[in-house]
């Protein structure tokens, strides 16, 4: 079994996927418009070129997306896409790219579990967490300090 995120957009799905292509180094590998599909007859004329189904590949993983029919879009809430990155420099690059035109929910910073962690909602309304975890083999003194507040 595999779980895949499926994002809904308010008429700007293609722009969002192209943005993720640039910001995250993803590859857009599928963009199917309403036009030319069985759904064409249910879509208003201004939606024929909107995305019925789209897909990006990100380091061997898939994120799918589409434009919601007019009047059916709901702002995303109750979840975030989490990006695990290898180093602080990559965390900064990705965070700044996603934050451009978006809203920073928690600035990128060191936490007890991460070299860098931050959360942002991008310009398309998608919530993201950027996480560069510390090693799991923390020295005993650091581990004691990191978990002292949770006891």
Protein backbone atom coordinates (compact mmCIF):
# COMPACT_ATOMS: atom_id res chain seq x y z
CA UNK A 1 0.00 0.00 0.00
CA UNK A 2 1.14 3.50 -0.77
CA UNK A 3 -0.26 6.82 0.47
CA UNK A 4 -0.09 9.76 -1.93
CA UNK A 5 -1.04 13.37 -1.25
CA UNK A 6 -3.70 14.75 -3.59
CA UNK A 7 -3.93 18.54 -3.55
CA UNK A 8 -6.92 20.61 -4.67
CA UNK A 9 -6.55 24.07 -6.15
CA UNK A 10 -8.84 26.96 -6.93
CA UNK A 11 -8.18 27.18 -10.67
CA UNK A 12 -4.40 27.60 -10.39
CA UNK A 13 -3.24 23.97 -10.26
CA UNK A 14 -0.94 24.19 -13.27
CA UNK A 15 0.74 27.33 -11.90
CA UNK A 16 1.18 25.62 -8.52
CA UNK A 17 2.72 22.49 -10.04
CA UNK A 18 5.07 24.60 -12.18
CA UNK A 19 6.01 26.53 -9.02
CA UNK A 20 6.81 23.25 -7.20
CA UNK A 21 8.83 22.18 -10.20
CA UNK A 22 11.07 25.23 -9.72
CA UNK A 23 10.99 25.58 -5.93
CA UNK A 24 11.42 21.91 -5.06
CA UNK A 25 13.16 20.49 -8.11
CA UNK A 26 10.09 18.38 -8.84
CA UNK A 27 9.12 17.16 -12.30
CA UNK A 28 5.63 17.75 -13.69
CA UNK A 29 4.90 14.48 -15.45
CA UNK A 30 1.14 14.73 -16.00
CA UNK A 31 -1.25 17.60 -16.76
CA UNK A 32 -4.65 16.53 -18.08
CA UNK A 33 -7.09 19.37 -18.79
CA UNK A 34 -10.86 18.95 -18.54
CA UNK A 35 -11.01 19.53 -22.31
CA UNK A 36 -11.01 16.32 -24.32
CA UNK A 37 -12.07 14.08 -21.42
CA UNK A 38 -15.48 12.69 -20.40
CA UNK A 39 -15.54 15.43 -17.71
CA UNK A 40 -15.46 18.11 -20.43
CA UNK A 41 -19.26 18.16 -20.66
CA UNK A 42 -19.61 18.82 -16.92
CA UNK A 43 -17.08 21.66 -16.84
CA UNK A 44 -17.96 25.28 -17.62
CA UNK A 45 -16.28 26.73 -20.70
CA UNK A 46 -13.79 28.74 -18.60
CA UNK A 47 -12.63 25.50 -16.95
CA UNK A 48 -11.83 23.47 -20.06
CA UNK A 49 -8.12 24.35 -19.86
CA UNK A 50 -7.95 23.84 -16.07
CA UNK A 51 -6.32 20.72 -14.63
CA UNK A 52 -8.58 17.70 -14.20
CA UNK A 53 -5.60 15.66 -13.01
CA UNK A 54 -1.94 16.55 -12.51
CA UNK A 55 1.06 14.85 -11.02
CA UNK A 56 4.59 15.77 -9.99
CA UNK A 57 7.49 13.53 -9.08
CA UNK A 58 9.69 14.61 -6.21
CA UNK A 59 12.73 12.44 -5.52
CA UNK A 60 10.88 9.28 -6.55
CA UNK A 61 7.69 10.25 -4.73
CA UNK A 62 4.40 11.37 -6.22
CA UNK A 63 2.11 14.28 -5.39
CA UNK A 64 -1.12 14.50 -7.38
CA UNK A 65 -3.39 17.50 -7.82
CA UNK A 66 -6.34 19.01 -9.64
CA UNK A 67 -8.45 22.14 -9.92
CA UNK A 68 -11.71 21.94 -8.01
CA UNK A 69 -14.87 22.67 -9.97
CA UNK A 70 -16.05 26.27 -9.57
CA UNK A 71 -17.56 26.94 -6.16
CA UNK A 72 -16.28 23.69 -4.62
CA UNK A 73 -12.79 24.73 -3.49
CA UNK A 74 -12.10 24.73 0.24
CA UNK A 75 -8.98 26.20 1.81
CA UNK A 76 -6.62 23.41 2.96
CA UNK A 77 -6.58 22.84 6.71
CA UNK A 78 -5.71 20.16 9.20
CA UNK A 79 -2.62 18.86 7.38
CA UNK A 80 0.74 19.88 5.96
CA UNK A 81 3.11 18.33 3.48
CA UNK A 82 6.36 17.58 5.27
CA UNK A 83 9.66 17.82 3.42
CA UNK A 84 12.66 16.08 4.97
CA UNK A 85 15.89 17.65 3.75
CA UNK A 86 19.51 16.57 4.24
CA UNK A 87 21.17 19.76 5.43
CA UNK A 88 20.53 23.26 6.76
CA UNK A 89 21.47 24.95 3.47
CA UNK A 90 18.87 22.91 1.57
CA UNK A 91 16.31 23.62 4.30
CA UNK A 92 16.90 27.37 3.86
CA UNK A 93 16.69 27.20 0.07
CA UNK A 94 13.44 25.21 0.06
CA UNK A 95 11.86 27.24 2.87
CA UNK A 96 12.63 30.58 1.20
CA UNK A 97 11.31 29.33 -2.15
CA UNK A 98 8.02 28.16 -0.61
CA UNK A 99 7.71 31.33 1.50
CA UNK A 100 8.06 33.60 -1.54
CA UNK A 101 4.57 35.08 -1.86
CA UNK A 102 3.28 32.84 0.94
CA UNK A 103 2.91 33.08 4.70
CA UNK A 104 5.50 31.95 7.23
CA UNK A 105 3.74 30.12 10.07
CA UNK A 106 6.92 29.31 12.01
CA UNK A 107 10.27 30.75 10.93
CA UNK A 108 12.97 28.27 9.97
CA UNK A 109 15.01 27.63 13.10
CA UNK A 110 16.77 25.07 15.24
CA UNK A 111 14.52 22.97 17.47
CA UNK A 112 15.23 20.17 19.92
CA UNK A 113 14.70 17.60 17.14
CA UNK A 114 15.93 19.47 14.08
CA UNK A 115 18.93 21.37 12.82
CA UNK A 116 16.30 23.45 11.01
CA UNK A 117 12.51 23.31 11.07
CA UNK A 118 9.89 25.77 9.87
CA UNK A 119 6.37 25.84 8.51
CA UNK A 120 4.96 27.91 5.69
CA UNK A 121 1.80 28.18 3.63
CA UNK A 122 2.77 28.81 0.02
CA UNK A 123 1.15 31.35 -2.31
CA UNK A 124 -1.31 28.69 -3.49
CA UNK A 125 -2.56 27.90 0.03
CA UNK A 126 -0.69 24.62 0.52
CA UNK A 127 0.80 24.18 4.01
CA UNK A 128 4.36 22.81 4.21
CA UNK A 129 6.78 21.81 6.95
CA UNK A 130 10.50 21.87 6.14
CA UNK A 131 12.42 19.57 8.46
CA UNK A 132 16.15 18.86 8.66
CA UNK A 133 16.35 16.43 11.56
CA UNK A 134 19.23 16.09 13.96
CA UNK A 135 20.91 12.70 14.11
CA UNK A 136 19.09 10.11 16.15
CA UNK A 137 22.29 9.24 18.01
CA UNK A 138 22.46 12.41 20.14
CA UNK A 139 25.15 12.41 22.81
CA UNK A 140 23.64 11.74 26.26
CA UNK A 141 24.10 15.37 27.42
CA UNK A 142 22.32 16.80 24.36
CA UNK A 143 19.58 14.19 24.63
CA UNK A 144 19.02 15.06 28.31
CA UNK A 145 18.77 18.76 27.41
CA UNK A 146 16.50 18.14 24.42
CA UNK A 147 13.94 16.14 26.35
CA UNK A 148 14.15 17.86 29.75
CA UNK A 149 11.08 20.00 29.08
CA UNK A 150 8.92 17.02 28.09
CA UNK A 151 9.14 15.04 31.35
